[in-house]
Amino acid sequence: MNKHLFAFVAALAPLMVGAHASLETPIAETGAAYQGVLRIGHGCDASPTTALAMRLPAGFEGARALPKPGWTVDTKPGVLSWTAASKDAALQPTQRGEFAFAVTAPRAAGPAWIKVLQTCEKGAQDWADVPAAGTSVAGMKTPAMLLAVLAPREFAMAKMLPRVEGGWVRGTVPGQSGTGAFMRLTASEPVQLVGVTTPAAGTAEVHEMKMEGDVMRMRAMPKLDLPAGQVVELKPGGYHLMLTDLKQPLQKDTTVPLTLVFRNARGLESRMDVSLPVQMLGPDAMGGHKH
C-alpha cells in the first residue's frame, strides 16, 4: 500500500472511533458492488429522528435505498432517503439506527465524502463538514462520512485492517511517566496485533493484566490474537496498550497518535494510524491498578 493511500485508509480509524453518522464498512473496491450500512448514533439533542437523506458524490452508480421496517424509502439521483412511517417508528434520541443501501462504487480510487441530513421532530443535524485538505476531521462537530474507494490490491490489503471503536487514552499529570490506551478491535479475518508505536512515548507495548492468585500482574505480549468477527476489547484491567517514558503530560481534550501493526495468517503486515482522545479518569476506572 503506497504511503499516500496508507494515510488515507488510516484516517478512517478516528472516524470509526467517534462518529455519530458512520458507515459500518468504510472501504469499497473501485467499480465494484458495495452494500453499505449507514449508522446513526443518536437523535438531535433530545428529539427523535424522523428522516434521513444521504447525498452521494458524483461517480456512484445504481444507488438505491434498501427497505427498513417501519420506514418508507425513496431513491433519487444522488440522494437516498428514509422516512419514519409513524411516530412510533422514529428513532428515539438515545436509540441507534442502521439503514442499508446498495450502490456501485466509483471507478476511480480516492476519498468519497457522503453527507447525511438527519431530520428530527425538533431540529436537524447536517453531517456535511469536509476538510479543506486531506481526510482528517479532527475538531469537526458534524463531519461527513468518509468512504475509502480503493483499487483491488489496496482493497484486499485494507480488508485485513480491523475496525477500531471506542478508543481513548488515559490522561496523566506532570511527573507521570506511563499510561494506558484502550479500544475495541473487530477483525474481518484472523489477524494478530503485533506492535504499536507513538511519538508521545518512548515505549509502547501490548500488555495484559490478570490475576495470578491474589496478585494482579501485568506482562508485555508479543502478539494479541484477533479472531474473525469477534470483538476484542482492550480495557482497564485486561488487555491494553501500555505507553511509557511519556514525552509530556497527556491533557484532556487532546489526542494521541498511535500506529498499530497487524499481521495476518500469511505473514503480511499492515499498519493503521489512529488518533485517540485523551480522557481524565480516576484510578477506579483502571481496575485499581496504577500504571
C-alpha atoms as a PDB file:
ATOM      1  CA  MET A   1       0.000   0.000   0.000  1.00  0.00           C
ATOM      2  CA  ASN A   2       1.602   3.274  -1.035  1.00  0.00           C
ATOM      3  CA  LYS A   3       2.266   5.920   1.597  1.00  0.00           C
ATOM      4  CA  HIS A   4      -0.472   8.303   0.406  1.00  0.00           C
ATOM      5  CA  LEU A   5      -3.109   5.611   0.267  1.00  0.00           C
ATOM      6  CA  PHE A   6      -1.998   4.180   3.603  1.00  0.00           C
ATOM      7  CA  ALA A   7      -2.546   7.563   5.259  1.00  0.00           C
ATOM      8  CA  PHE A   8      -5.929   7.795   3.546  1.00  0.00           C
ATOM      9  CA  VAL A   9      -7.133   4.423   4.845  1.00  0.00           C
ATOM     10  CA  ALA A  10      -5.649   5.036   8.288  1.00  0.00           C
ATOM     11  CA  ALA A  11      -7.634   8.265   8.568  1.00  0.00           C
ATOM     12  CA  LEU A  12     -10.782   6.153   8.712  1.00  0.00           C
ATOM     13  CA  ALA A  13      -9.954   4.865  12.175  1.00  0.00           C
ATOM     14  CA  PRO A  14     -10.613   8.095  14.080  1.00  0.00           C
ATOM     15  CA  LEU A  15     -13.903   8.393  12.186  1.00  0.00           C
ATOM     16  CA  MET A  16     -14.951   4.971  13.349  1.00  0.00           C
ATOM     17  CA  VAL A  17     -13.975   5.776  16.908  1.00  0.00           C
ATOM     18  CA  GLY A  18     -16.247   8.735  17.458  1.00  0.00           C
ATOM     19  CA  ALA A  19     -18.533   9.483  14.522  1.00  0.00           C
ATOM     20  CA  HIS A  20     -22.268   9.928  15.099  1.00  0.00           C
ATOM     21  CA  ALA A  21     -23.103   9.252  11.447  1.00  0.00           C
ATOM     22  CA  SER A  22     -20.873   6.500  10.121  1.00  0.00           C
ATOM     23  CA  LEU A  23     -20.522   3.649   7.663  1.00  0.00           C
ATOM     24  CA  GLU A  24     -20.385   0.103   9.003  1.00  0.00           C
ATOM     25  CA  THR A  25     -17.848  -0.766   6.287  1.00  0.00           C
ATOM     26  CA  PRO A  26     -15.847   2.348   5.339  1.00  0.00           C
ATOM     27  CA  ILE A  27     -13.946   0.837   2.380  1.00  0.00           C
ATOM     28  CA  ALA A  28     -15.091  -0.123  -1.124  1.00  0.00           C
ATOM     29  CA  GLU A  29     -13.394  -1.527  -4.224  1.00  0.00           C
ATOM     30  CA  THR A  30     -13.282   0.590  -7.369  1.00  0.00           C
ATOM     31  CA  GLY A  31     -16.120  -0.205  -9.778  1.00  0.00           C
ATOM     32  CA  ALA A  32     -17.483  -2.997  -7.572  1.00  0.00           C
ATOM     33  CA  ALA A  33     -20.853  -3.517  -5.925  1.00  0.00           C
ATOM     34  CA  TYR A  34     -20.964  -2.101  -2.412  1.00  0.00           C
ATOM     35  CA  GLN A  35     -23.712  -2.736   0.110  1.00  0.00           C
ATOM     36  CA  GLY A  36     -23.361  -0.205   2.859  1.00  0.00           C
ATOM     37  CA  VAL A  37     -24.983   0.447   6.190  1.00  0.00           C
ATOM     38  CA  LEU A  38     -25.488   3.995   7.407  1.00  0.00           C
ATOM     39  CA  ARG A  39     -25.338   4.094  11.205  1.00  0.00           C
ATOM     40  CA  ILE A  40     -26.905   6.887  13.246  1.00  0.00           C
ATOM     41  CA  GLY A  41     -25.801   7.097  16.868  1.00  0.00           C
ATOM     42  CA  HIS A  42     -28.328   9.463  18.421  1.00  0.00           C
ATOM     43  CA  GLY A  43     -31.103  11.968  17.783  1.00  0.00           C
ATOM     44  CA  CYS A  44     -30.943  15.765  17.621  1.00  0.00           C
ATOM     45  CA  ASP A  45     -30.328  16.534  21.287  1.00  0.00           C
ATOM     46  CA  ALA A  46     -33.478  15.164  22.966  1.00  0.00           C
ATOM     47  CA  SER A  47     -35.561  14.892  19.792  1.00  0.00           C
ATOM     48  CA  PRO A  48     -36.339  11.635  17.898  1.00  0.00           C
ATOM     49  CA  THR A  49     -35.027  11.111  14.358  1.00  0.00           C
ATOM     50  CA  THR A  50     -37.816  11.080  11.764  1.00  0.00           C
ATOM     51  CA  ALA A  51     -35.963  11.168   8.423  1.00  0.00           C
ATOM     52  CA  LEU A  52     -32.543  10.742   6.826  1.00  0.00           C
ATOM     53  CA  ALA A  53     -31.331  11.945   3.444  1.00  0.00           C
ATOM     54  CA  MET A  54     -27.957  10.638   2.267  1.00  0.00           C
ATOM     55  CA  ARG A  55     -26.231  12.595  -0.521  1.00  0.00           C
ATOM     56  CA  LEU A  56     -23.769  10.698  -2.682  1.00  0.00           C
ATOM     57  CA  PRO A  57     -20.986  12.484  -4.576  1.00  0.00           C
ATOM     58  CA  ALA A  58     -20.506  12.054  -8.318  1.00  0.00           C
ATOM     59  CA  GLY A  59     -19.165   8.706  -9.517  1.00  0.00           C
ATOM     60  CA  PHE A  60     -21.546   6.333  -7.759  1.00  0.00           C
ATOM     61  CA  GLU A  61     -23.920   4.323  -9.943  1.00  0.00           C
ATOM     62  CA  GLY A  62     -27.089   2.309  -9.413  1.00  0.00           C
ATOM     63  CA  ALA A  63     -27.682   3.618  -5.911  1.00  0.00           C
ATOM     64  CA  ARG A  64     -30.819   2.535  -4.096  1.00  0.00           C
ATOM     65  CA  ALA A  65     -32.069   2.706  -0.534  1.00  0.00           C
ATOM     66  CA  LEU A  66     -32.956  -0.700   0.889  1.00  0.00           C
ATOM     67  CA  PRO A  67     -36.157  -1.306   2.880  1.00  0.00           C
ATOM     68  CA  LYS A  68     -36.275  -0.805   6.642  1.00  0.00           C
ATOM     69  CA  PRO A  69     -39.322  -1.953   8.647  1.00  0.00           C
ATOM     70  CA  GLY A  70     -41.469   0.990   9.725  1.00  0.00           C
ATOM     71  CA  TRP A  71     -39.789   3.390   7.318  1.00  0.00           C
ATOM     72  CA  THR A  72     -40.529   4.440   3.746  1.00  0.00           C
ATOM     73  CA  VAL A  73     -37.627   4.683   1.306  1.00  0.00           C
ATOM     74  CA  ASP A  74     -37.016   6.915  -1.685  1.00  0.00           C
ATOM     75  CA  THR A  75     -34.283   6.833  -4.306  1.00  0.00           C
ATOM     76  CA  LYS A  76     -33.487   9.866  -6.430  1.00  0.00           C
ATOM     77  CA  PRO A  77     -30.330  10.662  -8.423  1.00  0.00           C
ATOM     78  CA  GLY A  78     -27.610  11.226  -5.845  1.00  0.00           C
ATOM     79  CA  VAL A  79     -29.975  11.154  -2.851  1.00  0.00           C
ATOM     80  CA  LEU A  80     -31.241   8.188  -0.826  1.00  0.00           C
ATOM     81  CA  SER A  81     -33.918   8.844   1.791  1.00  0.00           C
ATOM     82  CA  TRP A  82     -35.616   7.052   4.671  1.00  0.00           C
ATOM     83  CA  THR A  83     -38.669   8.488   6.461  1.00  0.00           C
ATOM     84  CA  ALA A  84     -40.359   7.093   9.564  1.00  0.00           C
ATOM     85  CA  ALA A  85     -43.859   5.918   8.596  1.00  0.00           C
ATOM     86  CA  SER A  86     -45.206   6.678  12.069  1.00  0.00           C
ATOM     87  CA  LYS A  87     -44.243   8.392  15.284  1.00  0.00           C
ATOM     88  CA  ASP A  88     -43.622   5.014  16.896  1.00  0.00           C
ATOM     89  CA  ALA A  89     -41.144   4.076  14.156  1.00  0.00           C
ATOM     90  CA  ALA A  90     -38.969   7.157  14.706  1.00  0.00           C
ATOM     91  CA  LEU A  91     -35.568   6.613  16.321  1.00  0.00           C
ATOM     92  CA  GLN A  92     -35.634   7.747  19.925  1.00  0.00           C
ATOM     93  CA  PRO A  93     -32.901  10.218  20.985  1.00  0.00           C
ATOM     94  CA  THR A  94     -30.631   7.555  22.519  1.00  0.00           C
ATOM     95  CA  GLN A  95     -31.525   4.800  20.046  1.00  0.00           C
ATOM     96  CA  ARG A  96     -29.034   3.703  17.408  1.00  0.00           C
ATOM     97  CA  GLY A  97     -30.292   3.037  13.898  1.00  0.00           C
ATOM     98  CA  GLU A  98     -28.985   1.273  10.789  1.00  0.00           C
ATOM     99  CA  PHE A  99     -30.084   1.990   7.215  1.00  0.00           C
ATOM    100  CA  ALA A 100     -28.879  -0.210   4.352  1.00  0.00           C
ATOM    101  CA  PHE A 101     -28.226   0.811   0.770  1.00  0.00           C
ATOM    102  CA  ALA A 102     -26.708  -0.685  -2.374  1.00  0.00           C
ATOM    103  CA  VAL A 103     -24.516   1.074  -4.912  1.00  0.00           C
ATOM    104  CA  THR A 104     -21.685   0.556  -7.392  1.00  0.00           C
ATOM    105  CA  ALA A 105     -18.539   2.331  -6.218  1.00  0.00           C
ATOM    106  CA  PRO A 106     -16.764   4.901  -8.414  1.00  0.00           C
ATOM    107  CA  ARG A 107     -14.249   3.587 -10.931  1.00  0.00           C
ATOM    108  CA  ALA A 108     -11.558   5.966  -9.682  1.00  0.00           C
ATOM    109  CA  ALA A 109      -9.831   5.422  -6.344  1.00  0.00           C
ATOM    110  CA  GLY A 110      -9.916   8.178  -3.761  1.00  0.00           C
ATOM    111  CA  PRO A 111     -11.868   9.590  -0.830  1.00  0.00           C
ATOM    112  CA  ALA A 112     -15.644   9.800  -1.268  1.00  0.00           C
ATOM    113  CA  TRP A 113     -17.406  12.089   1.190  1.00  0.00           C
ATOM    114  CA  ILE A 114     -21.028  11.120   1.822  1.00  0.00           C
ATOM    115  CA  LYS A 115     -23.242  13.711   3.504  1.00  0.00           C
ATOM    116  CA  VAL A 116     -26.304  12.950   5.620  1.00  0.00           C
ATOM    117  CA  LEU A 117     -29.133  15.270   6.641  1.00  0.00           C
ATOM    118  CA  GLN A 118     -30.701  13.955   9.843  1.00  0.00           C
ATOM    119  CA  THR A 119     -34.171  15.419  10.445  1.00  0.00           C
ATOM    120  CA  CYS A 120     -35.756  15.182  13.884  1.00  0.00           C
ATOM    121  CA  GLU A 121     -39.122  16.113  15.369  1.00  0.00           C
ATOM    122  CA  LYS A 122     -37.417  19.271  16.552  1.00  0.00           C
ATOM    123  CA  GLY A 123     -34.418  20.485  14.623  1.00  0.00           C
ATOM    124  CA  ALA A 124     -31.987  18.771  12.266  1.00  0.00           C
ATOM    125  CA  GLN A 125     -28.334  17.785  12.055  1.00  0.00           C
ATOM    126  CA  ASP A 126     -26.445  18.003   8.779  1.00  0.00           C
ATOM    127  CA  TRP A 127     -23.440  15.683   8.771  1.00  0.00           C
ATOM    128  CA  ALA A 128     -21.710  17.526   5.955  1.00  0.00           C
ATOM    129  CA  ASP A 129     -18.397  19.026   7.110  1.00  0.00           C
ATOM    130  CA  VAL A 130     -15.484  18.116   4.822  1.00  0.00           C
ATOM    131  CA  PRO A 131     -11.840  19.105   5.460  1.00  0.00           C
ATOM    132  CA  ALA A 132     -10.336  21.654   3.088  1.00  0.00           C
ATOM    133  CA  ALA A 133      -7.392  19.300   2.558  1.00  0.00           C
ATOM    134  CA  GLY A 134      -6.631  15.705   3.482  1.00  0.00           C
ATOM    135  CA  THR A 135      -9.034  13.414   5.301  1.00  0.00           C
ATOM    136  CA  SER A 136      -8.684  14.395   8.961  1.00  0.00           C
ATOM    137  CA  VAL A 137     -11.927  15.545  10.588  1.00  0.00           C
ATOM    138  CA  ALA A 138     -10.321  16.331  13.949  1.00  0.00           C
ATOM    139  CA  GLY A 139     -12.213  19.141  15.638  1.00  0.00           C
ATOM    140  CA  MET A 140     -15.237  18.902  13.353  1.00  0.00           C
ATOM    141  CA  LYS A 141     -18.553  18.573  15.173  1.00  0.00           C
ATOM    142  CA  THR A 142     -20.631  17.351  12.213  1.00  0.00           C
ATOM    143  CA  PRO A 143     -18.271  15.586   9.771  1.00  0.00           C
ATOM    144  CA  ALA A 144     -19.467  13.908   6.604  1.00  0.00           C
ATOM    145  CA  MET A 145     -18.870  10.159   6.294  1.00  0.00           C
ATOM    146  CA  LEU A 146     -15.704   9.065   4.505  1.00  0.00           C
ATOM    147  CA  LEU A 147     -15.758   6.040   2.215  1.00  0.00           C
ATOM    148  CA  ALA A 148     -12.307   4.950   1.056  1.00  0.00           C
ATOM    149  CA  VAL A 149     -12.615   3.801  -2.569  1.00  0.00           C
ATOM    150  CA  LEU A 150      -9.581   1.588  -3.216  1.00  0.00           C
ATOM    151  CA  ALA A 151      -8.018  -0.182  -6.184  1.00  0.00           C
ATOM    152  CA  PRO A 152      -8.275  -4.008  -5.973  1.00  0.00           C
ATOM    153  CA  ARG A 153      -4.810  -4.614  -4.469  1.00  0.00           C
ATOM    154  CA  GLU A 154      -5.156  -1.891  -1.847  1.00  0.00           C
ATOM    155  CA  PHE A 155      -8.722  -3.009  -1.102  1.00  0.00           C
ATOM    156  CA  ALA A 156      -7.512  -6.552  -0.398  1.00  0.00           C
ATOM    157  CA  MET A 157      -4.864  -5.198   1.983  1.00  0.00           C
ATOM    158  CA  ALA A 158      -7.262  -2.815   3.708  1.00  0.00           C
ATOM    159  CA  LYS A 159      -9.755  -5.599   4.415  1.00  0.00           C
ATOM    160  CA  MET A 160      -7.333  -7.140   6.879  1.00  0.00           C
ATOM    161  CA  LEU A 161      -7.299  -3.983   8.998  1.00  0.00           C
ATOM    162  CA  PRO A 162      -9.623  -4.392  11.989  1.00  0.00           C
ATOM    163  CA  ARG A 163     -12.373  -1.954  12.835  1.00  0.00           C
ATOM    164  CA  VAL A 164     -11.388   0.331  15.716  1.00  0.00           C
ATOM    165  CA  GLU A 165     -14.093   1.676  18.021  1.00  0.00           C
ATOM    166  CA  GLY A 166     -14.368   3.385  21.389  1.00  0.00           C
ATOM    167  CA  GLY A 167     -10.692   4.278  21.585  1.00  0.00           C
ATOM    168  CA  TRP A 168      -9.256   6.524  24.301  1.00  0.00           C
ATOM    169  CA  VAL A 169      -6.065   7.210  26.254  1.00  0.00           C
ATOM    170  CA  ARG A 170      -5.999   7.855  29.984  1.00  0.00           C
ATOM    171  CA  GLY A 171      -4.794  11.374  30.790  1.00  0.00           C
ATOM    172  CA  THR A 172      -1.793  11.978  33.031  1.00  0.00           C
ATOM    173  CA  VAL A 173      -0.442  14.537  35.477  1.00  0.00           C
ATOM    174  CA  PRO A 174       3.007  16.176  35.463  1.00  0.00           C
ATOM    175  CA  GLY A 175       5.673  13.710  36.515  1.00  0.00           C
ATOM    176  CA  GLN A 176       3.672  10.642  35.490  1.00  0.00           C
ATOM    177  CA  SER A 177       5.713   8.507  33.103  1.00  0.00           C
ATOM    178  CA  GLY A 178       3.177   5.964  31.860  1.00  0.00           C
ATOM    179  CA  THR A 179      -0.450   5.411  30.955  1.00  0.00           C
ATOM    180  CA  GLY A 180      -2.759   3.081  29.042  1.00  0.00           C
ATOM    181  CA  ALA A 181      -4.643   3.219  25.741  1.00  0.00           C
ATOM    182  CA  PHE A 182      -7.869   1.305  25.188  1.00  0.00           C
ATOM    183  CA  MET A 183     -10.218   0.400  22.326  1.00  0.00           C
ATOM    184  CA  ARG A 184     -12.367  -2.303  20.768  1.00  0.00           C
ATOM    185  CA  LEU A 185     -10.970  -4.192  17.760  1.00  0.00           C
ATOM    186  CA  THR A 186     -13.027  -6.272  15.326  1.00  0.00           C
ATOM    187  CA  ALA A 187     -11.214  -8.097  12.510  1.00  0.00           C
ATOM    188  CA  SER A 188     -12.903  -9.410   9.359  1.00  0.00           C
ATOM    189  CA  GLU A 189     -10.249 -12.137   9.031  1.00  0.00           C
ATOM    190  CA  PRO A 190      -7.946 -13.696  11.638  1.00  0.00           C
ATOM    191  CA  VAL A 191      -5.081 -11.299  12.369  1.00  0.00           C
ATOM    192  CA  GLN A 192      -2.738 -10.517  15.227  1.00  0.00           C
ATOM    193  CA  LEU A 193      -1.897  -7.194  16.817  1.00  0.00           C
ATOM    194  CA  VAL A 194       1.888  -7.444  16.893  1.00  0.00           C
ATOM    195  CA  GLY A 195       3.073  -3.948  17.695  1.00  0.00           C
ATOM    196  CA  VAL A 196       2.316  -0.327  18.478  1.00  0.00           C
ATOM    197  CA  THR A 197       4.302   2.906  18.274  1.00  0.00           C
ATOM    198  CA  THR A 198       3.578   6.508  19.193  1.00  0.00           C
ATOM    199  CA  PRO A 199       5.583   9.736  19.156  1.00  0.00           C
ATOM    200  CA  ALA A 200       4.018  10.527  22.549  1.00  0.00           C
ATOM    201  CA  ALA A 201       6.023   7.843  24.384  1.00  0.00           C
ATOM    202  CA  GLY A 202       9.453   6.276  24.334  1.00  0.00           C
ATOM    203  CA  THR A 203       7.987   2.773  24.513  1.00  0.00           C
ATOM    204  CA  ALA A 204       4.592   1.386  23.529  1.00  0.00           C
ATOM    205  CA  GLU A 205       3.655  -2.269  24.010  1.00  0.00           C
ATOM    206  CA  VAL A 206       0.677  -4.593  24.062  1.00  0.00           C
ATOM    207  CA  HIS A 207       0.112  -5.637  27.682  1.00  0.00           C
ATOM    208  CA  GLU A 208      -2.117  -7.984  29.620  1.00  0.00           C
ATOM    209  CA  MET A 209      -3.248  -7.608  33.206  1.00  0.00           C
ATOM    210  CA  LYS A 210      -4.658 -10.632  35.015  1.00  0.00           C
ATOM    211  CA  MET A 211      -4.967 -12.092  38.476  1.00  0.00           C
ATOM    212  CA  GLU A 212      -2.412 -14.714  39.487  1.00  0.00           C
ATOM    213  CA  GLY A 213      -3.600 -15.958  42.834  1.00  0.00           C
ATOM    214  CA  ASP A 214      -4.282 -12.831  44.857  1.00  0.00           C
ATOM    215  CA  VAL A 215      -1.913 -10.632  42.861  1.00  0.00           C
ATOM    216  CA  MET A 216      -2.728  -8.554  39.778  1.00  0.00           C
ATOM    217  CA  ARG A 217       0.183  -8.877  37.366  1.00  0.00           C
ATOM    218  CA  MET A 218       0.975  -7.142  34.101  1.00  0.00           C
ATOM    219  CA  ARG A 219       3.101  -8.515  31.283  1.00  0.00           C
ATOM    220  CA  ALA A 220       4.066  -7.491  27.775  1.00  0.00           C
ATOM    221  CA  MET A 221       2.671  -9.625  24.947  1.00  0.00           C
ATOM    222  CA  PRO A 222       4.464 -10.185  21.611  1.00  0.00           C
ATOM    223  CA  LYS A 223       1.092 -10.606  19.895  1.00  0.00           C
ATOM    224  CA  LEU A 224      -2.638 -10.470  20.563  1.00  0.00           C
ATOM    225  CA  ASP A 225      -4.921 -12.737  18.515  1.00  0.00           C
ATOM    226  CA  LEU A 226      -7.950 -11.108  16.878  1.00  0.00           C
ATOM    227  CA  PRO A 227     -10.331 -13.878  15.712  1.00  0.00           C
ATOM    228  CA  ALA A 228     -12.502 -13.096  12.691  1.00  0.00           C
ATOM    229  CA  GLY A 229     -15.783 -11.429  13.568  1.00  0.00           C
ATOM    230  CA  GLN A 230     -15.132 -11.274  17.315  1.00  0.00           C
ATOM    231  CA  VAL A 231     -14.804  -8.077  19.328  1.00  0.00           C
ATOM    232  CA  VAL A 232     -11.551  -7.990  21.295  1.00  0.00           C
ATOM    233  CA  GLU A 233     -11.663  -5.290  23.929  1.00  0.00           C
ATOM    234  CA  LEU A 234      -8.576  -3.523  25.187  1.00  0.00           C
ATOM    235  CA  LYS A 235      -9.759  -2.182  28.527  1.00  0.00           C
ATOM    236  CA  PRO A 236      -8.559  -1.245  32.008  1.00  0.00           C
ATOM    237  CA  GLY A 237      -7.760  -4.383  33.969  1.00  0.00           C
ATOM    238  CA  GLY A 238      -7.277  -6.573  30.886  1.00  0.00           C
ATOM    239  CA  TYR A 239      -5.561  -6.298  27.517  1.00  0.00           C
ATOM    240  CA  HIS A 240      -4.391  -2.750  26.833  1.00  0.00           C
ATOM    241  CA  LEU A 241      -1.671  -0.694  25.198  1.00  0.00           C
ATOM    242  CA  MET A 242       0.975   0.448  27.673  1.00  0.00           C
ATOM    243  CA  LEU A 243       2.693   3.771  26.934  1.00  0.00           C
ATOM    244  CA  THR A 244       5.823   4.508  28.989  1.00  0.00           C
ATOM    245  CA  ASP A 245       8.502   7.204  29.036  1.00  0.00           C
ATOM    246  CA  LEU A 246       5.913   9.814  28.084  1.00  0.00           C
ATOM    247  CA  LYS A 247       7.336  12.897  26.377  1.00  0.00           C
ATOM    248  CA  GLN A 248       4.885  15.237  28.121  1.00  0.00           C
ATOM    249  CA  PRO A 249       1.690  15.079  30.216  1.00  0.00           C
ATOM    250  CA  LEU A 250      -1.394  13.954  28.298  1.00  0.00           C
ATOM    251  CA  GLN A 251      -4.127  16.513  28.853  1.00  0.00           C
ATOM    252  CA  LYS A 252      -7.885  16.243  28.427  1.00  0.00           C
ATOM    253  CA  ASP A 253      -9.273  17.364  25.050  1.00  0.00           C
ATOM    254  CA  THR A 254      -6.040  16.491  23.258  1.00  0.00           C
ATOM    255  CA  THR A 255      -5.366  13.446  21.099  1.00  0.00           C
ATOM    256  CA  VAL A 256      -2.600  10.855  20.975  1.00  0.00           C
ATOM    257  CA  PRO A 257      -1.460   9.422  17.609  1.00  0.00           C
ATOM    258  CA  LEU A 258      -0.753   5.686  17.555  1.00  0.00           C
ATOM    259  CA  THR A 259       0.374   3.312  14.832  1.00  0.00           C
ATOM    260  CA  LEU A 260      -0.989  -0.221  15.223  1.00  0.00           C
ATOM    261  CA  VAL A 261       0.804  -3.093  13.475  1.00  0.00           C
ATOM    262  CA  PHE A 262      -1.173  -6.180  12.393  1.00  0.00           C
ATOM    263  CA  ARG A 263      -0.096  -9.492  10.844  1.00  0.00           C
ATOM    264  CA  ASN A 264      -2.389 -11.920   9.031  1.00  0.00           C
ATOM    265  CA  ALA A 265      -2.121 -15.701   8.621  1.00  0.00           C
ATOM    266  CA  ARG A 266       0.047 -15.276   5.502  1.00  0.00           C
ATOM    267  CA  GLY A 267       2.580 -13.210   7.415  1.00  0.00           C
ATOM    268  CA  LEU A 268       1.614  -9.962   5.688  1.00  0.00           C
ATOM    269  CA  GLU A 269       1.971  -6.952   7.968  1.00  0.00           C
ATOM    270  CA  SER A 270      -0.152  -3.831   7.703  1.00  0.00           C
ATOM    271  CA  ARG A 271      -0.160  -0.635   9.721  1.00  0.00           C
ATOM    272  CA  MET A 272      -3.005   1.592  10.813  1.00  0.00           C
ATOM    273  CA  ASP A 273      -2.742   5.105  12.225  1.00  0.00           C
ATOM    274  CA  VAL A 274      -5.311   6.116  14.819  1.00  0.00           C
ATOM    275  CA  SER A 275      -5.728   9.306  16.811  1.00  0.00           C
ATOM    276  CA  LEU A 276      -7.327   8.683  20.202  1.00  0.00           C
ATOM    277  CA  PRO A 277      -8.860  11.279  22.535  1.00  0.00           C
ATOM    278  CA  VAL A 278      -7.412  11.774  25.998  1.00  0.00           C
ATOM    279  CA  GLN A 279      -9.859  11.268  28.860  1.00  0.00           C
ATOM    280  CA  MET A 280      -9.203  12.046  32.514  1.00  0.00           C
ATOM    281  CA  LEU A 281     -10.490   9.151  34.602  1.00  0.00           C
ATOM    282  CA  GLY A 282      -9.961   8.188  38.233  1.00  0.00           C
ATOM    283  CA  PRO A 283      -7.949   5.165  39.441  1.00  0.00           C
ATOM    284  CA  ASP A 284     -11.140   3.105  39.813  1.00  0.00           C
ATOM    285  CA  ALA A 285     -11.510   3.118  36.022  1.00  0.00           C
ATOM    286  CA  MET A 286      -8.153   1.362  35.809  1.00  0.00           C
ATOM    287  CA  GLY A 287      -9.319  -1.521  37.968  1.00  0.00           C
ATOM    288  CA  GLY A 288      -7.388  -0.201  40.937  1.00  0.00           C
ATOM    289  CA  HIS A 289      -4.028  -0.666  39.196  1.00  0.00           C
ATOM    290  CA  LYS A 290      -1.823   2.364  38.728  1.00  0.00           C
ATOM    291  CA  HIS A 291       0.475   2.341  35.756  1.00  0.00           C
END
